[in-house]
Amino acid sequence: MNKIIFPNGEGGICVVHPTGELPFEEVCRKDVPAGTPYLILTDDSEIADRTFREAWEADFSNPDGYGIGDEAWFAEKAAAEAERLAAEEAAAEQTVDAPAEEVSE
């Protein structure tokens, strides 16, 4: 399974192991701090040996993306949900306000 790595700001590297509950791209955006570059590892053999975990190094000069952080991610999701609910409410109001069709015999 793919892993996400990003610099922890203290000279080390953080590793994220997605659970599959969210799409992988969403995990990258949410779990990597805002503005922090990340890399996607498709082969976890690079991080399999934890003996020298504190000595791991990675080149983040050409990242796979940048995180937005959990606060921005949750705010984005809340805004999308509010927009969806408003659209449903507007559609329901149009249905209620629509004139009834006359039935001819």
N, C-alpha and C. Protein backbone atom coordinates (compact mmCIF):
# COMPACT_ATOMS: atom_id res chain seq x y z
N MET A 1 0.84 -1.18 0.00
CA MET A 1 0.00 0.00 0.00
C MET A 1 0.89 1.25 0.00
N ASN A 2 0.45 2.27 -0.70
CA ASN A 2 1.21 3.52 -0.76
C ASN A 2 1.30 4.19 0.61
N LYS A 3 2.41 4.88 0.81
CA LYS A 3 2.64 5.65 2.03
C LYS A 3 2.91 7.09 1.62
N ILE A 4 2.74 8.00 2.55
CA ILE A 4 3.00 9.41 2.34
C ILE A 4 4.10 9.81 3.31
N ILE A 5 5.11 10.51 2.81
CA ILE A 5 6.15 11.02 3.71
C ILE A 5 6.23 12.53 3.54
N PHE A 6 6.56 13.21 4.63
CA PHE A 6 6.76 14.66 4.58
C PHE A 6 7.71 15.06 5.68
N PRO A 7 8.41 16.19 5.49
CA PRO A 7 9.36 16.64 6.53
C PRO A 7 8.59 17.12 7.75
N ASN A 8 9.13 16.79 8.94
CA ASN A 8 8.42 17.16 10.17
C ASN A 8 8.82 18.53 10.71
N GLY A 9 9.72 19.23 10.02
CA GLY A 9 10.13 20.56 10.45
C GLY A 9 11.24 20.55 11.48
N GLU A 10 11.64 19.38 11.94
CA GLU A 10 12.70 19.26 12.93
C GLU A 10 13.84 18.41 12.40
N GLY A 11 13.90 18.26 11.07
CA GLY A 11 14.97 17.48 10.46
C GLY A 11 14.62 16.02 10.24
N GLY A 12 13.45 15.61 10.66
CA GLY A 12 13.03 14.22 10.47
C GLY A 12 11.95 14.11 9.41
N ILE A 13 11.46 12.89 9.26
CA ILE A 13 10.43 12.60 8.27
C ILE A 13 9.26 11.91 8.94
N CYS A 14 8.06 12.36 8.63
CA CYS A 14 6.83 11.72 9.10
C CYS A 14 6.34 10.77 8.03
N VAL A 15 5.77 9.66 8.46
CA VAL A 15 5.21 8.67 7.55
C VAL A 15 3.73 8.52 7.86
N VAL A 16 2.90 8.62 6.83
CA VAL A 16 1.46 8.43 6.98
C VAL A 16 1.09 7.12 6.31
N HIS A 17 0.37 6.29 7.05
CA HIS A 17 -0.10 5.00 6.55
C HIS A 17 -1.62 5.10 6.38
N PRO A 18 -2.11 5.42 5.17
CA PRO A 18 -3.56 5.56 4.98
C PRO A 18 -4.31 4.28 5.31
N THR A 19 -5.50 4.43 5.86
CA THR A 19 -6.30 3.28 6.26
C THR A 19 -7.25 2.81 5.17
N GLY A 20 -7.49 3.67 4.18
CA GLY A 20 -8.44 3.33 3.13
C GLY A 20 -9.82 3.90 3.38
N GLU A 21 -10.02 4.55 4.53
CA GLU A 21 -11.32 5.14 4.83
C GLU A 21 -11.60 6.36 3.96
N LEU A 22 -10.55 7.06 3.55
CA LEU A 22 -10.66 8.22 2.66
C LEU A 22 -9.89 7.92 1.39
N PRO A 23 -10.28 8.56 0.29
CA PRO A 23 -9.46 8.43 -0.92
C PRO A 23 -8.03 8.90 -0.64
N PHE A 24 -7.07 8.25 -1.24
CA PHE A 24 -5.66 8.51 -0.98
C PHE A 24 -5.31 9.99 -1.14
N GLU A 25 -5.81 10.62 -2.21
CA GLU A 25 -5.51 12.03 -2.46
C GLU A 25 -6.01 12.92 -1.33
N GLU A 26 -7.16 12.56 -0.75
CA GLU A 26 -7.71 13.35 0.35
C GLU A 26 -6.86 13.20 1.61
N VAL A 27 -6.31 12.02 1.83
CA VAL A 27 -5.42 11.81 2.97
C VAL A 27 -4.18 12.69 2.82
N CYS A 28 -3.64 12.74 1.62
CA CYS A 28 -2.47 13.59 1.36
C CYS A 28 -2.78 15.03 1.71
N ARG A 29 -3.88 15.54 1.25
CA ARG A 29 -4.24 16.94 1.47
C ARG A 29 -4.51 17.20 2.96
N LYS A 30 -5.23 16.30 3.62
CA LYS A 30 -5.67 16.50 5.00
C LYS A 30 -4.56 16.27 6.02
N ASP A 31 -3.83 15.20 5.88
CA ASP A 31 -2.90 14.79 6.94
C ASP A 31 -1.51 15.39 6.84
N VAL A 32 -1.23 16.05 5.73
CA VAL A 32 0.06 16.75 5.61
C VAL A 32 -0.20 18.21 5.97
N PRO A 33 0.60 18.78 6.87
CA PRO A 33 0.37 20.16 7.30
C PRO A 33 0.35 21.16 6.13
N ALA A 34 -0.38 22.23 6.31
CA ALA A 34 -0.55 23.25 5.27
C ALA A 34 0.79 23.74 4.74
N GLY A 35 0.91 23.72 3.42
CA GLY A 35 2.11 24.22 2.76
C GLY A 35 3.31 23.29 2.80
N THR A 36 3.15 22.12 3.38
CA THR A 36 4.27 21.18 3.52
C THR A 36 4.30 20.24 2.31
N PRO A 37 5.48 20.09 1.69
CA PRO A 37 5.58 19.18 0.55
C PRO A 37 5.52 17.73 1.02
N TYR A 38 5.00 16.88 0.15
CA TYR A 38 4.98 15.45 0.47
C TYR A 38 5.39 14.63 -0.74
N LEU A 39 5.82 13.42 -0.45
CA LEU A 39 6.15 12.43 -1.48
C LEU A 39 5.30 11.20 -1.25
N ILE A 40 4.95 10.53 -2.32
CA ILE A 40 4.20 9.28 -2.24
C ILE A 40 5.17 8.14 -2.51
N LEU A 41 5.24 7.21 -1.58
CA LEU A 41 6.09 6.03 -1.75
C LEU A 41 5.21 4.87 -2.18
N THR A 42 5.54 4.30 -3.33
CA THR A 42 4.78 3.14 -3.81
C THR A 42 5.45 1.85 -3.38
N ASP A 43 6.69 1.97 -2.97
CA ASP A 43 7.46 0.81 -2.51
C ASP A 43 7.94 1.12 -1.10
N ASP A 44 7.32 0.52 -0.11
CA ASP A 44 7.68 0.87 1.27
C ASP A 44 8.96 0.20 1.75
N SER A 45 9.69 -0.45 0.84
CA SER A 45 10.97 -1.03 1.24
C SER A 45 11.95 0.06 1.67
N GLU A 46 11.72 1.29 1.15
CA GLU A 46 12.58 2.41 1.52
C GLU A 46 12.44 2.77 3.00
N ILE A 47 11.31 2.44 3.59
CA ILE A 47 11.08 2.77 5.00
C ILE A 47 10.83 1.54 5.86
N ALA A 48 11.11 0.37 5.30
CA ALA A 48 10.86 -0.87 6.04
C ALA A 48 11.80 -1.04 7.22
N ASP A 49 13.04 -0.63 7.06
CA ASP A 49 14.02 -0.77 8.13
C ASP A 49 13.92 0.43 9.06
N ARG A 50 13.39 0.20 10.25
CA ARG A 50 13.20 1.30 11.20
C ARG A 50 14.38 1.46 12.15
N THR A 51 15.43 0.70 11.94
CA THR A 51 16.60 0.76 12.81
C THR A 51 17.18 2.17 12.89
N PHE A 52 17.29 2.81 11.74
CA PHE A 52 17.86 4.15 11.68
C PHE A 52 16.81 5.17 11.26
N ARG A 53 15.63 5.02 11.82
CA ARG A 53 14.51 5.90 11.45
C ARG A 53 14.86 7.38 11.61
N GLU A 54 15.57 7.75 12.64
CA GLU A 54 15.93 9.15 12.85
C GLU A 54 16.90 9.67 11.79
N ALA A 55 17.51 8.77 11.03
CA ALA A 55 18.48 9.17 10.01
C ALA A 55 17.88 9.18 8.60
N TRP A 56 16.59 8.87 8.47
CA TRP A 56 15.97 8.87 7.15
C TRP A 56 16.09 10.24 6.52
N GLU A 57 16.32 10.25 5.22
CA GLU A 57 16.41 11.49 4.46
C GLU A 57 15.59 11.34 3.19
N ALA A 58 15.07 12.45 2.71
CA ALA A 58 14.34 12.45 1.44
C ALA A 58 14.51 13.81 0.79
N ASP A 59 14.44 13.83 -0.52
CA ASP A 59 14.55 15.07 -1.28
C ASP A 59 13.14 15.55 -1.62
N PHE A 60 12.71 16.63 -0.98
CA PHE A 60 11.38 17.17 -1.19
C PHE A 60 11.39 18.34 -2.17
N SER A 61 12.46 18.48 -2.96
CA SER A 61 12.56 19.60 -3.91
C SER A 61 11.60 19.44 -5.09
N ASN A 62 11.17 18.23 -5.37
CA ASN A 62 10.21 17.97 -6.45
C ASN A 62 9.07 17.11 -5.86
N PRO A 63 8.23 17.72 -5.00
CA PRO A 63 7.22 16.93 -4.29
C PRO A 63 6.08 16.47 -5.19
N ASP A 64 5.34 15.50 -4.69
CA ASP A 64 4.13 15.03 -5.37
C ASP A 64 2.96 15.98 -5.11
N GLY A 65 3.09 16.82 -4.10
CA GLY A 65 2.04 17.78 -3.78
C GLY A 65 2.35 18.48 -2.48
N TYR A 66 1.40 19.31 -2.05
CA TYR A 66 1.52 20.04 -0.80
C TYR A 66 0.23 19.83 0.00
N GLY A 67 0.37 19.64 1.29
CA GLY A 67 -0.79 19.47 2.14
C GLY A 67 -1.50 20.79 2.37
N ILE A 68 -2.77 20.69 2.78
CA ILE A 68 -3.52 21.89 3.18
C ILE A 68 -3.79 21.86 4.68
N GLY A 69 -3.54 20.72 5.32
CA GLY A 69 -3.76 20.60 6.76
C GLY A 69 -5.19 20.23 7.09
N ASP A 70 -5.38 19.71 8.29
CA ASP A 70 -6.71 19.22 8.66
C ASP A 70 -7.73 20.33 8.88
N GLU A 71 -7.33 21.48 9.42
CA GLU A 71 -8.30 22.56 9.64
C GLU A 71 -8.89 23.04 8.32
N ALA A 72 -8.04 23.30 7.33
CA ALA A 72 -8.52 23.74 6.03
C ALA A 72 -9.33 22.65 5.35
N TRP A 73 -8.91 21.41 5.51
CA TRP A 73 -9.61 20.30 4.87
C TRP A 73 -11.03 20.17 5.44
N PHE A 74 -11.16 20.21 6.78
CA PHE A 74 -12.49 20.12 7.39
C PHE A 74 -13.35 21.33 7.04
N ALA A 75 -12.76 22.52 6.98
CA ALA A 75 -13.50 23.72 6.59
C ALA A 75 -14.01 23.59 5.16
N GLU A 76 -13.18 23.06 4.29
CA GLU A 76 -13.56 22.84 2.89
C GLU A 76 -14.73 21.87 2.80
N LYS A 77 -14.67 20.80 3.56
CA LYS A 77 -15.74 19.80 3.55
C LYS A 77 -17.03 20.39 4.12
N ALA A 78 -16.93 21.19 5.18
CA ALA A 78 -18.11 21.81 5.77
C ALA A 78 -18.75 22.79 4.79
N ALA A 79 -17.95 23.55 4.07
CA ALA A 79 -18.47 24.49 3.08
C ALA A 79 -19.18 23.75 1.95
N ALA A 80 -18.60 22.64 1.51
CA ALA A 80 -19.20 21.85 0.44
C ALA A 80 -20.53 21.25 0.91
N GLU A 81 -20.58 20.81 2.15
CA GLU A 81 -21.82 20.24 2.71
C GLU A 81 -22.89 21.32 2.83
N ALA A 82 -22.50 22.52 3.28
CA ALA A 82 -23.46 23.63 3.39
C ALA A 82 -24.00 24.00 2.01
N GLU A 83 -23.15 24.00 1.01
CA GLU A 83 -23.57 24.30 -0.36
C GLU A 83 -24.54 23.24 -0.87
N ARG A 84 -24.25 21.98 -0.57
CA ARG A 84 -25.13 20.88 -0.99
C ARG A 84 -26.49 21.00 -0.34
N LEU A 85 -26.51 21.29 0.96
CA LEU A 85 -27.78 21.43 1.68
C LEU A 85 -28.58 22.61 1.16
N ALA A 86 -27.91 23.72 0.86
CA ALA A 86 -28.60 24.89 0.32
C ALA A 86 -29.22 24.57 -1.04
N ALA A 87 -28.50 23.83 -1.87
CA ALA A 87 -29.03 23.44 -3.18
C ALA A 87 -30.24 22.53 -3.03
N GLU A 88 -30.19 21.60 -2.08
CA GLU A 88 -31.34 20.71 -1.83
C GLU A 88 -32.54 21.51 -1.35
N GLU A 89 -32.28 22.46 -0.45
CA GLU A 89 -33.36 23.29 0.07
C GLU A 89 -33.99 24.13 -1.03
N ALA A 90 -33.17 24.71 -1.90
CA ALA A 90 -33.68 25.50 -3.01
C ALA A 90 -34.52 24.64 -3.96
N ALA A 91 -34.06 23.43 -4.22
CA ALA A 91 -34.81 22.52 -5.09
C ALA A 91 -36.14 22.14 -4.45
N ALA A 92 -36.15 21.93 -3.14
CA ALA A 92 -37.38 21.59 -2.44
C ALA A 92 -38.36 22.75 -2.47
N GLU A 93 -37.88 23.97 -2.33
CA GLU A 93 -38.74 25.15 -2.38
C GLU A 93 -39.35 25.31 -3.76
N GLN A 94 -38.59 25.04 -4.82
CA GLN A 94 -39.12 25.13 -6.17
C GLN A 94 -40.22 24.11 -6.38
N THR A 95 -40.08 22.94 -5.80
CA THR A 95 -41.09 21.90 -5.93
C THR A 95 -42.37 22.31 -5.22
N VAL A 96 -42.25 22.89 -4.04
CA VAL A 96 -43.41 23.31 -3.25
C VAL A 96 -44.10 24.49 -3.93
N ASP A 97 -43.35 25.41 -4.50
CA ASP A 97 -43.91 26.60 -5.12
C ASP A 97 -44.47 26.36 -6.51
N ALA A 98 -44.20 25.24 -7.11
CA ALA A 98 -44.65 24.97 -8.47
C ALA A 98 -46.17 24.79 -8.46
N PRO A 99 -46.85 25.35 -9.46
CA PRO A 99 -48.31 25.21 -9.51
C PRO A 99 -48.70 23.75 -9.75
N ALA A 100 -49.78 23.37 -9.14
CA ALA A 100 -50.27 22.00 -9.30
C ALA A 100 -50.84 21.85 -10.70
N GLU A 101 -50.67 20.68 -11.29
CA GLU A 101 -51.20 20.42 -12.61
C GLU A 101 -52.69 20.13 -12.51
N GLU A 102 -53.42 20.64 -13.46
CA GLU A 102 -54.86 20.38 -13.46
C GLU A 102 -55.11 19.00 -14.09
N VAL A 103 -56.05 18.31 -13.53
CA VAL A 103 -56.40 16.99 -14.04
C VAL A 103 -57.66 17.14 -14.87
N SER A 104 -57.61 16.74 -16.12
CA SER A 104 -58.81 16.85 -16.95
C SER A 104 -59.44 15.47 -17.09
N GLU A 105 -60.77 15.49 -17.08
CA GLU A 105 -61.49 14.23 -17.18
C GLU A 105 -62.11 14.06 -18.51
